[in-house]
């Protein structure tokens, strides 16, 4: 059944207006579960796009096909300007400001849940090229710590749909974490060694599919420890830096890791009928 809420109708109207501005007119529409497939056409472009909604009145779009393919950037720009980007983002992106310009493929790796009492430990590796980086910057991608969980959910779901095959993740739920931890804690620093292993697994799996030239990791432990594990699974150049989220692929990895952490926390809260709190504050310890 189609969503006829005022929120969805406003969202759809905004999409139509944006596409009309580049000459695309609605030709056909079809209802699907939790969404609507739309077909647009102009004298130069054909477009198939799906609008999705959920019970919380959250909306997103997925571009299914653009003909010719070279017009995809034009369509994306019309849909994304002032949508996901924050108010401080420039309307014109300076390509030279993106740190992926010297590499065809650059990977970034980050984690979430390390300092939290409840929930899983998550590691994510993401790879992108210069073209991907421009699109992701348009989305409003930045360090996940600067974004609300609501914004992370929207961005995370969109990136998962739009960049399939360009990420790899590993989630250790509490039971698995407790099973594996003693195997690492015999050597200090324990948790950091487990994290280095997790990063190496996701990086290695993704490297096997994309053979990227370089991978950047946000420094969370001794460089020798991180390098020891990563170099076993990946031949790419390795850069370990603090505040690595200034690089687009690391920022995306941080968003996806936080997205998966929040999603699993919500699932655990629902399973045990109690709202689990994030972090490790006195309130969390009391809970």
C-alpha atoms as a PDB file:
ATOM      1  CA  UNK A   1       0.000   0.000   0.000  1.00  0.00           C
ATOM      2  CA  UNK A   2       1.390   3.369  -0.995  1.00  0.00           C
ATOM      3  CA  UNK A   3       2.406   5.818   1.693  1.00  0.00           C
ATOM      4  CA  UNK A   4       0.149   8.852   1.362  1.00  0.00           C
ATOM      5  CA  UNK A   5       1.469  10.708   4.400  1.00  0.00           C
ATOM      6  CA  UNK A   6       2.135  14.386   3.931  1.00  0.00           C
ATOM      7  CA  UNK A   7       5.827  13.727   4.617  1.00  0.00           C
ATOM      8  CA  UNK A   8       6.175  11.223   1.792  1.00  0.00           C
ATOM      9  CA  UNK A   9       4.101  13.307  -0.620  1.00  0.00           C
ATOM     10  CA  UNK A  10       6.319  16.336   0.126  1.00  0.00           C
ATOM     11  CA  UNK A  11       9.431  14.206  -0.381  1.00  0.00           C
ATOM     12  CA  UNK A  12       8.125  12.857  -3.699  1.00  0.00           C
ATOM     13  CA  UNK A  13       7.117  16.339  -4.844  1.00  0.00           C
ATOM     14  CA  UNK A  14      10.631  17.606  -4.074  1.00  0.00           C
ATOM     15  CA  UNK A  15      12.136  14.747  -6.121  1.00  0.00           C
ATOM     16  CA  UNK A  16       9.822  15.534  -9.038  1.00  0.00           C
ATOM     17  CA  UNK A  17      10.692  19.237  -8.880  1.00  0.00           C
ATOM     18  CA  UNK A  18      14.435  18.549  -8.847  1.00  0.00           C
ATOM     19  CA  UNK A  19      14.211  16.186 -11.823  1.00  0.00           C
ATOM     20  CA  UNK A  20      11.894  18.533 -13.726  1.00  0.00           C
ATOM     21  CA  UNK A  21      14.578  21.216 -13.356  1.00  0.00           C
ATOM     22  CA  UNK A  22      16.878  19.188 -15.652  1.00  0.00           C
ATOM     23  CA  UNK A  23      14.101  18.428 -18.131  1.00  0.00           C
ATOM     24  CA  UNK A  24      13.027  14.984 -16.856  1.00  0.00           C
ATOM     25  CA  UNK A  25       9.271  14.370 -16.883  1.00  0.00           C
ATOM     26  CA  UNK A  26       7.466  11.559 -15.058  1.00  0.00           C
ATOM     27  CA  UNK A  27       6.397   8.873 -17.573  1.00  0.00           C
ATOM     28  CA  UNK A  28       5.200   6.046 -15.320  1.00  0.00           C
ATOM     29  CA  UNK A  29       5.042   4.889 -11.690  1.00  0.00           C
ATOM     30  CA  UNK A  30       4.487   1.545  -9.958  1.00  0.00           C
ATOM     31  CA  UNK A  31       3.893   0.678  -6.294  1.00  0.00           C
ATOM     32  CA  UNK A  32       6.195  -1.826  -4.577  1.00  0.00           C
ATOM     33  CA  UNK A  33       6.555  -2.899  -0.944  1.00  0.00           C
ATOM     34  CA  UNK A  34       7.611   0.160   1.061  1.00  0.00           C
ATOM     35  CA  UNK A  35       8.264   2.168  -2.018  1.00  0.00           C
ATOM     36  CA  UNK A  36       7.418   3.394  -5.475  1.00  0.00           C
ATOM     37  CA  UNK A  37       9.272   2.905  -8.762  1.00  0.00           C
ATOM     38  CA  UNK A  38       9.268   5.924 -11.065  1.00  0.00           C
ATOM     39  CA  UNK A  39      10.319   6.260 -14.697  1.00  0.00           C
ATOM     40  CA  UNK A  40      11.378   9.618 -16.127  1.00  0.00           C
ATOM     41  CA  UNK A  41      12.314  10.728 -19.611  1.00  0.00           C
ATOM     42  CA  UNK A  42      13.630  13.774 -21.426  1.00  0.00           C
ATOM     43  CA  UNK A  43      14.887  14.325 -24.950  1.00  0.00           C
ATOM     44  CA  UNK A  44      18.360  13.210 -23.823  1.00  0.00           C
ATOM     45  CA  UNK A  45      17.946  11.045 -20.690  1.00  0.00           C
ATOM     46  CA  UNK A  46      15.935   8.084 -19.423  1.00  0.00           C
ATOM     47  CA  UNK A  47      15.856   7.404 -15.690  1.00  0.00           C
ATOM     48  CA  UNK A  48      14.479   4.680 -13.431  1.00  0.00           C
ATOM     49  CA  UNK A  49      14.436   5.517  -9.725  1.00  0.00           C
ATOM     50  CA  UNK A  50      12.863   3.994  -6.605  1.00  0.00           C
ATOM     51  CA  UNK A  51      11.625   5.993  -3.628  1.00  0.00           C
ATOM     52  CA  UNK A  52      11.525   4.102  -0.313  1.00  0.00           C
ATOM     53  CA  UNK A  53       9.767   4.899   2.961  1.00  0.00           C
ATOM     54  CA  UNK A  54       9.423   3.211   6.351  1.00  0.00           C
ATOM     55  CA  UNK A  55       7.067   3.288   9.322  1.00  0.00           C
ATOM     56  CA  UNK A  56       9.036   6.134  10.896  1.00  0.00           C
ATOM     57  CA  UNK A  57       8.383   8.349   7.874  1.00  0.00           C
ATOM     58  CA  UNK A  58      11.996   8.223   6.775  1.00  0.00           C
ATOM     59  CA  UNK A  59      12.601   8.386   3.027  1.00  0.00           C
ATOM     60  CA  UNK A  60      15.394   7.615   0.599  1.00  0.00           C
ATOM     61  CA  UNK A  61      15.908   7.112  -3.119  1.00  0.00           C
ATOM     62  CA  UNK A  62      17.880   4.589  -5.178  1.00  0.00           C
ATOM     63  CA  UNK A  63      18.806   5.245  -8.801  1.00  0.00           C
ATOM     64  CA  UNK A  64      18.197   2.000 -10.688  1.00  0.00           C
ATOM     65  CA  UNK A  65      19.327   3.066 -14.150  1.00  0.00           C
ATOM     66  CA  UNK A  66      20.340   6.168 -16.101  1.00  0.00           C
ATOM     67  CA  UNK A  67      20.641   6.109 -19.890  1.00  0.00           C
ATOM     68  CA  UNK A  68      23.123   7.232 -21.072  1.00  0.00           C
ATOM     69  CA  UNK A  69      25.326   6.364 -18.076  1.00  0.00           C
ATOM     70  CA  UNK A  70      27.390   9.541 -18.478  1.00  0.00           C
ATOM     71  CA  UNK A  71      24.339  11.568 -17.390  1.00  0.00           C
ATOM     72  CA  UNK A  72      24.282   9.941 -13.947  1.00  0.00           C
ATOM     73  CA  UNK A  73      26.304  12.769 -12.382  1.00  0.00           C
ATOM     74  CA  UNK A  74      23.815  15.349 -13.675  1.00  0.00           C
ATOM     75  CA  UNK A  75      20.917  13.399 -12.133  1.00  0.00           C
ATOM     76  CA  UNK A  76      22.743  12.856  -8.829  1.00  0.00           C
ATOM     77  CA  UNK A  77      23.698  16.499  -8.525  1.00  0.00           C
ATOM     78  CA  UNK A  78      20.096  17.607  -9.053  1.00  0.00           C
ATOM     79  CA  UNK A  79      18.899  15.212  -6.340  1.00  0.00           C
ATOM     80  CA  UNK A  80      21.635  15.744  -3.746  1.00  0.00           C
ATOM     81  CA  UNK A  81      22.345  19.483  -3.693  1.00  0.00           C
ATOM     82  CA  UNK A  82      21.282  20.804  -0.257  1.00  0.00           C
ATOM     83  CA  UNK A  83      19.820  17.397   0.574  1.00  0.00           C
ATOM     84  CA  UNK A  84      22.410  15.394   2.501  1.00  0.00           C
ATOM     85  CA  UNK A  85      25.073  18.091   2.561  1.00  0.00           C
ATOM     86  CA  UNK A  86      25.218  20.383   5.585  1.00  0.00           C
ATOM     87  CA  UNK A  87      24.696  24.108   5.293  1.00  0.00           C
ATOM     88  CA  UNK A  88      28.452  24.774   5.397  1.00  0.00           C
ATOM     89  CA  UNK A  89      29.208  22.575   2.361  1.00  0.00           C
ATOM     90  CA  UNK A  90      30.234  24.424  -0.798  1.00  0.00           C
ATOM     91  CA  UNK A  91      27.843  24.261  -3.726  1.00  0.00           C
ATOM     92  CA  UNK A  92      30.816  23.597  -6.006  1.00  0.00           C
ATOM     93  CA  UNK A  93      33.284  20.927  -4.888  1.00  0.00           C
ATOM     94  CA  UNK A  94      36.967  21.594  -5.376  1.00  0.00           C
ATOM     95  CA  UNK A  95      38.329  18.259  -6.600  1.00  0.00           C
ATOM     96  CA  UNK A  96      41.836  19.138  -5.416  1.00  0.00           C
ATOM     97  CA  UNK A  97      40.622  19.277  -1.806  1.00  0.00           C
ATOM     98  CA  UNK A  98      39.866  15.545  -1.748  1.00  0.00           C
ATOM     99  CA  UNK A  99      42.787  13.438  -0.603  1.00  0.00           C
ATOM    100  CA  UNK A 100      41.978  10.572  -2.982  1.00  0.00           C
ATOM    101  CA  UNK A 101      43.051  12.509  -6.084  1.00  0.00           C
ATOM    102  CA  UNK A 102      46.473  10.870  -6.387  1.00  0.00           C
ATOM    103  CA  UNK A 103      45.089   7.326  -6.190  1.00  0.00           C
ATOM    104  CA  UNK A 104      42.780   5.372  -8.472  1.00  0.00           C
ATOM    105  CA  UNK A 105      41.507   3.383  -5.488  1.00  0.00           C
ATOM    106  CA  UNK A 106      41.943   4.394  -1.847  1.00  0.00           C
ATOM    107  CA  UNK A 107      40.660   2.376   1.117  1.00  0.00           C
ATOM    108  CA  UNK A 108      39.888   3.480   4.662  1.00  0.00           C
ATOM    109  CA  UNK A 109      39.246   1.457   7.806  1.00  0.00           C
ATOM    110  CA  UNK A 110      37.630   2.371  11.119  1.00  0.00           C
ATOM    111  CA  UNK A 111      35.753   0.793  14.029  1.00  0.00           C
ATOM    112  CA  UNK A 112      32.893   1.430  16.441  1.00  0.00           C
ATOM    113  CA  UNK A 113      31.934   0.096  19.868  1.00  0.00           C
ATOM    114  CA  UNK A 114      35.450   0.016  21.358  1.00  0.00           C
ATOM    115  CA  UNK A 115      34.614   2.247  24.311  1.00  0.00           C
ATOM    116  CA  UNK A 116      31.040   1.043  24.837  1.00  0.00           C
ATOM    117  CA  UNK A 117      29.841  -1.235  27.626  1.00  0.00           C
ATOM    118  CA  UNK A 118      26.957  -2.785  25.674  1.00  0.00           C
ATOM    119  CA  UNK A 119      26.661  -3.906  22.074  1.00  0.00           C
ATOM    120  CA  UNK A 120      29.061  -5.237  19.446  1.00  0.00           C
ATOM    121  CA  UNK A 121      32.544  -4.363  18.293  1.00  0.00           C
ATOM    122  CA  UNK A 122      32.491  -3.419  14.590  1.00  0.00           C
ATOM    123  CA  UNK A 123      35.256  -2.917  12.027  1.00  0.00           C
ATOM    124  CA  UNK A 124      34.620  -1.645   8.490  1.00  0.00           C
ATOM    125  CA  UNK A 125      36.819  -1.120   5.442  1.00  0.00           C
ATOM    126  CA  UNK A 126      35.584   0.985   2.510  1.00  0.00           C
ATOM    127  CA  UNK A 127      37.212   1.600  -0.879  1.00  0.00           C
ATOM    128  CA  UNK A 128      36.484   4.358  -3.378  1.00  0.00           C
ATOM    129  CA  UNK A 129      37.887   6.196  -6.370  1.00  0.00           C
ATOM    130  CA  UNK A 130      37.959   9.933  -7.038  1.00  0.00           C
ATOM    131  CA  UNK A 131      34.514   9.911  -8.679  1.00  0.00           C
ATOM    132  CA  UNK A 132      32.986   8.079  -5.688  1.00  0.00           C
ATOM    133  CA  UNK A 133      34.626  10.546  -3.310  1.00  0.00           C
ATOM    134  CA  UNK A 134      32.965  13.507  -5.025  1.00  0.00           C
ATOM    135  CA  UNK A 135      29.542  11.870  -4.735  1.00  0.00           C
ATOM    136  CA  UNK A 136      30.118  10.951  -1.084  1.00  0.00           C
ATOM    137  CA  UNK A 137      31.218  14.479  -0.263  1.00  0.00           C
ATOM    138  CA  UNK A 138      27.941  15.660  -1.805  1.00  0.00           C
ATOM    139  CA  UNK A 139      26.090  13.307   0.530  1.00  0.00           C
ATOM    140  CA  UNK A 140      27.603  15.180   3.481  1.00  0.00           C
ATOM    141  CA  UNK A 141      30.039  12.458   4.548  1.00  0.00           C
ATOM    142  CA  UNK A 142      32.314  13.401   7.468  1.00  0.00           C
ATOM    143  CA  UNK A 143      33.615  11.904  10.716  1.00  0.00           C
ATOM    144  CA  UNK A 144      30.759   9.932  12.309  1.00  0.00           C
ATOM    145  CA  UNK A 145      31.486  11.586  15.682  1.00  0.00           C
ATOM    146  CA  UNK A 146      30.261  14.867  14.163  1.00  0.00           C
ATOM    147  CA  UNK A 147      26.932  13.329  13.071  1.00  0.00           C
ATOM    148  CA  UNK A 148      23.826  12.380  15.038  1.00  0.00           C
ATOM    149  CA  UNK A 149      22.775   8.727  15.093  1.00  0.00           C
ATOM    150  CA  UNK A 150      19.697   9.688  13.076  1.00  0.00           C
ATOM    151  CA  UNK A 151      21.868  11.239  10.346  1.00  0.00           C
ATOM    152  CA  UNK A 152      24.196   8.233  10.462  1.00  0.00           C
ATOM    153  CA  UNK A 153      21.244   5.892   9.918  1.00  0.00           C
ATOM    154  CA  UNK A 154      20.132   7.830   6.818  1.00  0.00           C
ATOM    155  CA  UNK A 155      23.659   8.043   5.397  1.00  0.00           C
ATOM    156  CA  UNK A 156      24.523   4.466   6.338  1.00  0.00           C
ATOM    157  CA  UNK A 157      21.481   2.976   4.621  1.00  0.00           C
ATOM    158  CA  UNK A 158      22.086   5.063   1.517  1.00  0.00           C
ATOM    159  CA  UNK A 159      25.769   4.150   1.262  1.00  0.00           C
ATOM    160  CA  UNK A 160      24.992   0.460   1.799  1.00  0.00           C
ATOM    161  CA  UNK A 161      22.570   0.565  -1.133  1.00  0.00           C
ATOM    162  CA  UNK A 162      24.550   2.819  -3.493  1.00  0.00           C
ATOM    163  CA  UNK A 163      28.040   1.361  -2.969  1.00  0.00           C
ATOM    164  CA  UNK A 164      27.455  -2.381  -2.823  1.00  0.00           C
ATOM    165  CA  UNK A 165      30.675  -4.358  -3.138  1.00  0.00           C
ATOM    166  CA  UNK A 166      32.862  -1.453  -1.983  1.00  0.00           C
ATOM    167  CA  UNK A 167      32.789  -2.231   1.739  1.00  0.00           C
ATOM    168  CA  UNK A 168      33.586  -5.142   4.031  1.00  0.00           C
ATOM    169  CA  UNK A 169      32.643  -5.383   7.696  1.00  0.00           C
ATOM    170  CA  UNK A 170      33.086  -7.652  10.702  1.00  0.00           C
ATOM    171  CA  UNK A 171      30.741  -7.575  13.688  1.00  0.00           C
ATOM    172  CA  UNK A 172      31.597  -9.261  16.983  1.00  0.00           C
ATOM    173  CA  UNK A 173      28.495  -9.594  19.121  1.00  0.00           C
ATOM    174  CA  UNK A 174      29.114  -9.919  22.898  1.00  0.00           C
ATOM    175  CA  UNK A 175      29.098 -13.739  22.907  1.00  0.00           C
ATOM    176  CA  UNK A 176      31.687 -13.965  20.131  1.00  0.00           C
ATOM    177  CA  UNK A 177      33.703 -11.121  21.631  1.00  0.00           C
ATOM    178  CA  UNK A 178      33.908 -12.946  24.969  1.00  0.00           C
ATOM    179  CA  UNK A 179      34.896 -16.161  23.214  1.00  0.00           C
ATOM    180  CA  UNK A 180      37.740 -14.545  21.240  1.00  0.00           C
ATOM    181  CA  UNK A 181      39.064 -12.037  23.781  1.00  0.00           C
ATOM    182  CA  UNK A 182      41.105 -14.536  25.899  1.00  0.00           C
ATOM    183  CA  UNK A 183      42.968 -15.583  22.742  1.00  0.00           C
ATOM    184  CA  UNK A 184      44.291 -12.024  22.390  1.00  0.00           C
ATOM    185  CA  UNK A 185      44.508 -10.898  26.021  1.00  0.00           C
ATOM    186  CA  UNK A 186      47.493 -13.188  26.712  1.00  0.00           C
ATOM    187  CA  UNK A 187      49.518 -10.477  24.976  1.00  0.00           C
ATOM    188  CA  UNK A 188      49.120  -6.843  25.885  1.00  0.00           C
ATOM    189  CA  UNK A 189      47.164  -4.732  24.939  1.00  0.00           C
ATOM    190  CA  UNK A 190      44.434  -7.395  24.404  1.00  0.00           C
ATOM    191  CA  UNK A 191      41.532  -5.395  22.974  1.00  0.00           C
ATOM    192  CA  UNK A 192      43.757  -3.419  20.623  1.00  0.00           C
ATOM    193  CA  UNK A 193      45.259  -6.632  19.302  1.00  0.00           C
ATOM    194  CA  UNK A 194      41.770  -7.996  18.630  1.00  0.00           C
ATOM    195  CA  UNK A 195      40.901  -4.769  16.821  1.00  0.00           C
ATOM    196  CA  UNK A 196      44.066  -4.970  14.712  1.00  0.00           C
ATOM    197  CA  UNK A 197      43.029  -8.508  13.735  1.00  0.00           C
ATOM    198  CA  UNK A 198      39.495  -7.330  12.865  1.00  0.00           C
ATOM    199  CA  UNK A 199      40.832  -4.502  10.697  1.00  0.00           C
ATOM    200  CA  UNK A 200      43.188  -6.905   8.926  1.00  0.00           C
ATOM    201  CA  UNK A 201      40.302  -9.274   8.154  1.00  0.00           C
ATOM    202  CA  UNK A 202      38.073  -6.611   6.568  1.00  0.00           C
ATOM    203  CA  UNK A 203      40.977  -4.944   4.741  1.00  0.00           C
ATOM    204  CA  UNK A 204      42.261  -8.270   3.416  1.00  0.00           C
ATOM    205  CA  UNK A 205      38.849  -9.407   2.187  1.00  0.00           C
ATOM    206  CA  UNK A 206      38.241  -6.103   0.391  1.00  0.00           C
ATOM    207  CA  UNK A 207      41.771  -6.024  -1.033  1.00  0.00           C
ATOM    208  CA  UNK A 208      41.144  -9.448  -2.554  1.00  0.00           C
ATOM    209  CA  UNK A 209      38.297  -7.934  -4.585  1.00  0.00           C
ATOM    210  CA  UNK A 210      39.663  -4.479  -5.452  1.00  0.00           C
ATOM    211  CA  UNK A 211      43.504  -4.459  -5.166  1.00  0.00           C
ATOM    212  CA  UNK A 212      43.566  -0.837  -3.972  1.00  0.00           C
ATOM    213  CA  UNK A 213      46.873   1.023  -3.881  1.00  0.00           C
ATOM    214  CA  UNK A 214      46.666   2.404  -0.343  1.00  0.00           C
ATOM    215  CA  UNK A 215      44.722   1.930   2.885  1.00  0.00           C
ATOM    216  CA  UNK A 216      44.430   4.485   5.694  1.00  0.00           C
ATOM    217  CA  UNK A 217      43.613   3.479   9.274  1.00  0.00           C
ATOM    218  CA  UNK A 218      42.674   5.798  12.109  1.00  0.00           C
ATOM    219  CA  UNK A 219      45.375   5.184  14.716  1.00  0.00           C
ATOM    220  CA  UNK A 220      43.939   3.312  17.709  1.00  0.00           C
ATOM    221  CA  UNK A 221      47.060   1.470  18.943  1.00  0.00           C
ATOM    222  CA  UNK A 222      50.794   1.001  18.442  1.00  0.00           C
ATOM    223  CA  UNK A 223      51.653   1.245  14.748  1.00  0.00           C
ATOM    224  CA  UNK A 224      53.781  -1.920  14.839  1.00  0.00           C
ATOM    225  CA  UNK A 225      50.834  -3.922  16.199  1.00  0.00           C
ATOM    226  CA  UNK A 226      48.439  -2.669  13.503  1.00  0.00           C
ATOM    227  CA  UNK A 227      51.005  -3.121  10.737  1.00  0.00           C
ATOM    228  CA  UNK A 228      51.862  -6.657  11.902  1.00  0.00           C
ATOM    229  CA  UNK A 229      48.303  -7.854  11.289  1.00  0.00           C
ATOM    230  CA  UNK A 230      47.394  -5.787   8.225  1.00  0.00           C
ATOM    231  CA  UNK A 231      50.546  -6.638   6.275  1.00  0.00           C
ATOM    232  CA  UNK A 232      49.596 -10.320   6.526  1.00  0.00           C
ATOM    233  CA  UNK A 233      46.457  -9.803   4.462  1.00  0.00           C
ATOM    234  CA  UNK A 234      47.154  -6.822   2.191  1.00  0.00           C
ATOM    235  CA  UNK A 235      50.022  -5.616  -0.014  1.00  0.00           C
ATOM    236  CA  UNK A 236      48.752  -2.047  -0.353  1.00  0.00           C
ATOM    237  CA  UNK A 237      50.627   0.885   1.148  1.00  0.00           C
ATOM    238  CA  UNK A 238      49.561   1.338   4.760  1.00  0.00           C
ATOM    239  CA  UNK A 239      49.106   4.740   6.428  1.00  0.00           C
ATOM    240  CA  UNK A 240      48.236   4.934  10.128  1.00  0.00           C
ATOM    241  CA  UNK A 241      47.331   8.439  11.251  1.00  0.00           C
ATOM    242  CA  UNK A 242      45.383  10.238  13.959  1.00  0.00           C
ATOM    243  CA  UNK A 243      42.144  11.958  12.907  1.00  0.00           C
ATOM    244  CA  UNK A 244      42.130   9.906   9.703  1.00  0.00           C
ATOM    245  CA  UNK A 245      38.417  10.661   9.198  1.00  0.00           C
ATOM    246  CA  UNK A 246      39.445  13.741   7.193  1.00  0.00           C
ATOM    247  CA  UNK A 247      39.929  11.214   4.370  1.00  0.00           C
ATOM    248  CA  UNK A 248      36.664  10.339   2.608  1.00  0.00           C
ATOM    249  CA  UNK A 249      37.033   6.507   2.692  1.00  0.00           C
ATOM    250  CA  UNK A 250      37.889   6.541   6.421  1.00  0.00           C
ATOM    251  CA  UNK A 251      34.962   8.866   7.121  1.00  0.00           C
ATOM    252  CA  UNK A 252      32.649   6.474   5.247  1.00  0.00           C
ATOM    253  CA  UNK A 253      34.087   3.504   7.174  1.00  0.00           C
ATOM    254  CA  UNK A 254      33.425   5.351  10.438  1.00  0.00           C
ATOM    255  CA  UNK A 255      29.820   6.079   9.391  1.00  0.00           C
ATOM    256  CA  UNK A 256      29.148   2.485   8.338  1.00  0.00           C
ATOM    257  CA  UNK A 257      30.736   1.115  11.519  1.00  0.00           C
ATOM    258  CA  UNK A 258      28.623   3.408  13.701  1.00  0.00           C
ATOM    259  CA  UNK A 259      25.522   2.608  11.618  1.00  0.00           C
ATOM    260  CA  UNK A 260      26.008  -1.133  12.188  1.00  0.00           C
ATOM    261  CA  UNK A 261      26.719  -0.588  15.887  1.00  0.00           C
ATOM    262  CA  UNK A 262      23.530   1.459  16.378  1.00  0.00           C
ATOM    263  CA  UNK A 263      21.496  -1.059  14.374  1.00  0.00           C
ATOM    264  CA  UNK A 264      22.690  -3.978  16.517  1.00  0.00           C
ATOM    265  CA  UNK A 265      22.112  -2.000  19.720  1.00  0.00           C
ATOM    266  CA  UNK A 266      18.513  -1.391  18.650  1.00  0.00           C
ATOM    267  CA  UNK A 267      18.098  -5.115  17.946  1.00  0.00           C
ATOM    268  CA  UNK A 268      19.478  -6.031  21.384  1.00  0.00           C
ATOM    269  CA  UNK A 269      17.229  -3.462  23.082  1.00  0.00           C
ATOM    270  CA  UNK A 270      14.200  -4.959  21.339  1.00  0.00           C
ATOM    271  CA  UNK A 271      15.263  -8.524  22.143  1.00  0.00           C
ATOM    272  CA  UNK A 272      15.698  -7.881  25.879  1.00  0.00           C
ATOM    273  CA  UNK A 273      12.851  -5.329  26.179  1.00  0.00           C
ATOM    274  CA  UNK A 274      15.097  -2.650  27.654  1.00  0.00           C
ATOM    275  CA  UNK A 275      16.634   0.473  26.149  1.00  0.00           C
ATOM    276  CA  UNK A 276      20.371  -0.167  26.203  1.00  0.00           C
ATOM    277  CA  UNK A 277      22.488   2.960  26.530  1.00  0.00           C
ATOM    278  CA  UNK A 278      25.577   3.711  24.458  1.00  0.00           C
ATOM    279  CA  UNK A 279      28.972   4.571  25.900  1.00  0.00           C
ATOM    280  CA  UNK A 280      30.374   3.755  29.355  1.00  0.00           C
ATOM    281  CA  UNK A 281      29.006   6.496  31.616  1.00  0.00           C
ATOM    282  CA  UNK A 282      27.837   6.028  35.214  1.00  0.00           C
ATOM    283  CA  UNK A 283      24.292   5.701  33.864  1.00  0.00           C
ATOM    284  CA  UNK A 284      25.388   2.884  31.575  1.00  0.00           C
ATOM    285  CA  UNK A 285      27.196   1.096  34.426  1.00  0.00           C
ATOM    286  CA  UNK A 286      24.130   1.441  36.635  1.00  0.00           C
ATOM    287  CA  UNK A 287      21.985  -0.094  33.886  1.00  0.00           C
END
